[in-house]
Structures are given as C-alpha cells and as structure tokens.
C-alpha cells in the first residue's frame, strides 16, 4: 500500500504538520527526507531498512559519501542534500549563540557544542570565548589529539583569551569513545586552566564533555 493510501494522521508529512516534528519517529523523519521509496517499498519502509542497515540515524547521517551511497535509494545527490541540511542546522545553532541568547540556557549551549564536536573521530578541545555579559565572542577548536587523548596547553588558551579580550569562557571537548563521563585527567586540566585564567581575570563558567548522545556539564556536576 502506498503512503498516499494511509490514513491522513499516519502519513509522515501530515503528521508533522499536525503534531510537530518531535512527534515523528526516526524512520518517519528520514522518509520525509527521502521523499519517495523504491519499487516494492514505501519511503517509510525504505527508511526503516536503512536505519537497520546503518545501525541507527546517527551512523547514517555521519556516514562518508562512499558508505552512504551503499544504501538503497541513496546516492550523491541525497548525500549533498543531507550535508546541506545538517550544516544549516549547525549554523542556526551558531547564530543563536552569536546573538547571546543561548547562554541563558545550558540546554542550548549543550546542543550547540554537541553539534560542533560529537562527529569528530579524534579528541578535540575547544573554547567558547565570552564578553563580560556572557555573550559569545568566538568559538575555537584549539587542540587535536588521538582517539583517546589530547594535550591541552594553558598558555595557548590564555593567549587566545587575551586576543579576544574575553571576560569568561566555556571549555568543551569530546570523548570519541561515546562515554561522556569526565575523567580524572579532565578534572585536572580544568583546574589548571581555571588557575591560569584567573591570573588574567578570566572566569571558566563551565566545561562540557561531549559523548554519544549526551554532554556532561562540570558546573551541573559541582566540579567547578
């Protein structure tokens, strides 16, 4: 049976319009992106097959071109469309932070940092530099490590904070293993950075550890 023959409240597009995107399953959202199925499969059935084959929505969205194109109904054109959609989403988050609005909400900051860092296959240490009203001046990825470690140099972060004339900053790094639990090394470098930045009157407001599907805040954990 074609999707057109389904009851109106079960069709992905109509369901989204009536109830919002949050009411749709991963397969239904992907079906809207696909637009059409293939012979013998509706867009929703094809979406379910792709999610099963790739191991979920995230592996599908983050697949390299060659891997992405192995999926039924997928090709370079769909890959380009998907990359464009994902980049637009990242830019919307960045624009929200650039206006300074998102820093009144830890959830928005967490979402932004997750979008920026989660996809890296290696460890990346970054900073959000803020002015004295906690508005974002700049986001910079400063240190790049191996799959399980990175070397963070306080002197370089101090230098960048002075360059931006920052009054405060938020630290962030990813754990490519997917486990967002802060390590003892994470706690140690955070303390070192707090002490170094305090010498130039720059406050460390938080440190986010980005994992697979979650981000842990040092401030919320009482680690700052």
Protein backbone atom coordinates (compact mmCIF):
# COMPACT_ATOMS: atom_id res chain seq x y z
CA UNK A 1 0.00 0.00 0.00
CA UNK A 2 1.31 3.45 -0.95
CA UNK A 3 1.73 6.10 1.76
CA UNK A 4 -0.90 8.10 -0.12
CA UNK A 5 -3.40 5.38 0.77
CA UNK A 6 -2.62 5.58 4.52
CA UNK A 7 -4.95 7.43 6.90
CA UNK A 8 -4.05 11.14 6.88
CA UNK A 9 -2.92 11.16 10.54
CA UNK A 10 -0.42 8.37 9.83
CA UNK A 11 1.30 9.97 6.83
CA UNK A 12 4.63 11.50 7.92
CA UNK A 13 4.12 14.89 6.27
CA UNK A 14 0.58 15.35 7.54
CA UNK A 15 1.59 14.06 10.97
CA UNK A 16 4.42 16.61 11.15
CA UNK A 17 2.13 19.47 10.16
CA UNK A 18 -0.50 18.46 12.69
CA UNK A 19 1.69 17.47 15.64
CA UNK A 20 5.17 18.87 15.01
CA UNK A 21 8.45 17.20 14.00
CA UNK A 22 9.03 15.91 17.52
CA UNK A 23 6.09 13.54 17.17
CA UNK A 24 7.72 11.63 14.32
CA UNK A 25 9.89 8.56 14.64
CA UNK A 26 13.40 8.44 13.13
CA UNK A 27 12.03 6.40 10.23
CA UNK A 28 9.24 8.91 9.56
CA UNK A 29 11.65 11.86 9.60
CA UNK A 30 14.01 10.05 7.25
CA UNK A 31 11.09 9.15 4.97
CA UNK A 32 10.26 12.84 4.57
CA UNK A 33 13.87 13.48 3.59
CA UNK A 34 13.86 10.58 1.11
CA UNK A 35 10.54 11.78 -0.36
CA UNK A 36 9.95 8.56 -2.29
CA UNK A 37 10.55 4.87 -1.80
CA UNK A 38 11.76 2.28 -4.27
CA UNK A 39 9.79 -0.37 -6.18
CA UNK A 40 8.10 -2.59 -3.62
CA UNK A 41 8.91 -0.33 -0.63
CA UNK A 42 7.30 2.86 0.61
CA UNK A 43 9.51 5.71 1.81
CA UNK A 44 8.83 4.71 5.42
CA UNK A 45 9.66 1.04 4.79
CA UNK A 46 12.85 2.07 2.99
CA UNK A 47 13.75 4.41 5.86
CA UNK A 48 13.32 1.58 8.38
CA UNK A 49 15.51 -0.68 6.26
CA UNK A 50 18.23 1.98 6.02
CA UNK A 51 18.19 2.67 9.75
CA UNK A 52 18.52 -1.04 10.44
CA UNK A 53 21.34 -1.45 7.93
CA UNK A 54 23.35 1.54 9.14
CA UNK A 55 22.70 0.88 12.82
CA UNK A 56 20.60 3.96 13.53
CA UNK A 57 20.05 7.54 12.49
CA UNK A 58 23.37 8.97 13.62
CA UNK A 59 25.60 6.47 11.75
CA UNK A 60 23.54 7.13 8.62
CA UNK A 61 23.79 10.91 8.95
CA UNK A 62 27.52 10.82 9.68
CA UNK A 63 28.47 8.25 7.03
CA UNK A 64 31.11 9.17 4.46
CA UNK A 65 29.97 9.53 0.85
CA UNK A 66 31.07 6.07 -0.30
CA UNK A 67 29.40 4.35 2.65
CA UNK A 68 26.26 6.48 2.41
CA UNK A 69 25.78 5.58 -1.24
CA UNK A 70 25.69 1.85 -0.47
CA UNK A 71 22.19 2.33 0.96
CA UNK A 72 19.21 1.55 -1.24
CA UNK A 73 17.73 4.71 -2.73
CA UNK A 74 20.74 6.81 -1.70
CA UNK A 75 23.29 8.49 -3.91
CA UNK A 76 25.50 11.58 -4.24
CA UNK A 77 22.51 13.92 -4.68
CA UNK A 78 20.91 12.75 -1.42
CA UNK A 79 24.29 12.97 0.33
CA UNK A 80 24.71 16.58 -0.79
CA UNK A 81 21.18 17.46 0.33
CA UNK A 82 21.76 15.86 3.72
CA UNK A 83 25.06 17.64 4.29
CA UNK A 84 23.43 20.94 3.40
CA UNK A 85 20.57 20.36 5.86
CA UNK A 86 22.97 19.40 8.65
CA UNK A 87 25.16 22.44 8.01
CA UNK A 88 22.12 24.73 8.07
CA UNK A 89 21.13 23.27 11.43
CA UNK A 90 24.63 23.89 12.80
CA UNK A 91 24.59 27.47 11.52
CA UNK A 92 21.22 28.16 13.12
CA UNK A 93 22.61 26.99 16.47
CA UNK A 94 25.72 29.11 15.96
CA UNK A 95 23.66 32.18 15.03
CA UNK A 96 21.56 31.72 18.16
CA UNK A 97 24.68 31.66 20.30
CA UNK A 98 26.16 34.60 18.42
CA UNK A 99 23.15 36.69 19.49
CA UNK A 100 23.97 35.82 23.11
CA UNK A 101 20.51 34.38 23.75
CA UNK A 102 21.51 30.73 24.12
CA UNK A 103 23.87 31.30 27.04
CA UNK A 104 20.88 31.94 29.26
CA UNK A 105 20.12 28.27 28.68
CA UNK A 106 22.60 25.50 29.39
CA UNK A 107 20.50 23.24 27.15
CA UNK A 108 21.09 25.41 24.06
CA UNK A 109 24.80 25.68 24.80
CA UNK A 110 24.98 21.91 25.25
CA UNK A 111 23.16 21.33 21.95
CA UNK A 112 25.47 23.70 20.09
CA UNK A 113 28.67 22.17 21.48
CA UNK A 114 27.38 18.67 20.80
CA UNK A 115 26.67 19.58 17.17
CA UNK A 116 30.15 21.06 16.85
CA UNK A 117 32.19 18.29 18.48
CA UNK A 118 30.34 14.99 18.50
CA UNK A 119 31.18 13.98 14.95
CA UNK A 120 34.98 14.19 15.33
CA UNK A 121 36.68 10.76 15.20
CA UNK A 122 39.51 12.06 17.39
CA UNK A 123 39.55 14.13 20.56
CA UNK A 124 39.16 17.89 20.12
CA UNK A 125 39.43 20.55 22.84
CA UNK A 126 37.59 23.80 22.17
CA UNK A 127 36.63 27.08 23.84
CA UNK A 128 33.70 29.47 23.69
CA UNK A 129 35.09 32.93 24.43
CA UNK A 130 32.61 35.30 26.11
CA UNK A 131 32.41 39.01 26.89
CA UNK A 132 31.55 40.48 30.29
CA UNK A 133 27.83 39.97 29.59
CA UNK A 134 28.47 36.33 28.69
CA UNK A 135 27.76 36.88 25.00
CA UNK A 136 29.74 34.74 22.59
CA UNK A 137 32.76 36.37 21.00
CA UNK A 138 34.15 33.31 19.24
CA UNK A 139 34.25 29.51 19.18
CA UNK A 140 37.65 27.93 18.51
CA UNK A 141 38.87 24.35 18.26
CA UNK A 142 42.34 24.63 19.76
CA UNK A 143 43.82 21.18 20.39
CA UNK A 144 43.55 17.92 18.48
CA UNK A 145 44.57 14.56 19.88
CA UNK A 146 44.46 10.89 19.17
CA UNK A 147 41.36 8.75 19.55
CA UNK A 148 41.74 8.71 23.33
CA UNK A 149 43.80 11.69 24.48
CA UNK A 150 44.85 15.25 23.73
CA UNK A 151 47.44 17.69 25.03
CA UNK A 152 45.96 20.97 26.28
CA UNK A 153 48.31 23.89 26.87
CA UNK A 154 47.02 26.58 29.31
CA UNK A 155 49.40 29.16 27.82
CA UNK A 156 47.70 28.89 24.42
CA UNK A 157 44.22 29.29 25.90
CA UNK A 158 45.38 32.31 27.92
CA UNK A 159 46.83 33.80 24.73
CA UNK A 160 43.55 33.31 22.83
CA UNK A 161 41.51 34.74 25.71
CA UNK A 162 43.67 37.88 25.68
CA UNK A 163 43.40 38.07 21.89
CA UNK A 164 39.59 38.10 22.13
CA UNK A 165 39.58 40.33 25.22
CA UNK A 166 37.35 37.70 26.80
CA UNK A 167 35.94 38.06 30.29
CA UNK A 168 34.87 34.43 30.61
CA UNK A 169 34.87 31.20 28.65
CA UNK A 170 33.35 27.76 28.41
CA UNK A 171 35.60 24.77 27.81
CA UNK A 172 34.48 21.75 25.82
CA UNK A 173 35.94 18.55 24.46
CA UNK A 174 34.61 15.33 23.02
CA UNK A 175 35.12 11.71 24.02
CA UNK A 176 35.18 9.72 20.75
CA UNK A 177 34.52 6.56 22.78
CA UNK A 178 31.00 7.91 23.27
CA UNK A 179 31.20 7.90 27.07
CA UNK A 180 30.75 11.45 28.36
CA UNK A 181 31.81 10.74 31.95
CA UNK A 182 34.62 13.17 32.91
CA UNK A 183 37.95 11.52 33.70
CA UNK A 184 40.39 12.46 36.44
CA UNK A 185 42.58 13.96 33.73
CA UNK A 186 39.64 16.12 32.60
CA UNK A 187 39.18 17.39 36.15
CA UNK A 188 42.90 18.07 36.48
CA UNK A 189 43.23 20.11 33.27
CA UNK A 190 40.08 22.07 34.16
CA UNK A 191 41.61 23.08 37.48
CA UNK A 192 44.90 24.04 35.78
CA UNK A 193 43.03 26.19 33.25
CA UNK A 194 40.94 27.87 35.96
CA UNK A 195 44.08 28.81 37.86
CA UNK A 196 45.91 30.07 34.76
CA UNK A 197 42.95 32.11 33.52
CA UNK A 198 42.28 33.58 36.97
CA UNK A 199 45.66 35.34 36.70
CA UNK A 200 44.24 37.44 33.86
CA UNK A 201 40.75 37.78 35.45
CA UNK A 202 39.00 35.42 33.02
CA UNK A 203 36.40 33.09 34.56
CA UNK A 204 35.79 29.50 33.48
CA UNK A 205 32.00 29.17 33.57
CA UNK A 206 31.74 25.52 32.60
CA UNK A 207 33.40 22.57 30.93
CA UNK A 208 31.31 20.26 28.76
CA UNK A 209 32.35 16.71 27.92
CA UNK A 210 30.62 15.62 24.72
CA UNK A 211 29.80 11.94 24.31
CA UNK A 212 27.48 9.90 22.13
CA UNK A 213 24.03 11.35 22.72
CA UNK A 214 24.86 13.21 25.93
CA UNK A 215 27.03 16.03 27.21
CA UNK A 216 28.13 16.31 30.83
CA UNK A 217 28.45 19.76 32.42
CA UNK A 218 31.11 20.25 35.10
CA UNK A 219 29.06 23.09 36.58
CA UNK A 220 25.97 20.93 36.90
CA UNK A 221 28.07 18.19 38.48
CA UNK A 222 29.54 20.62 41.02
CA UNK A 223 33.04 20.09 39.63
CA UNK A 224 33.78 23.80 39.18
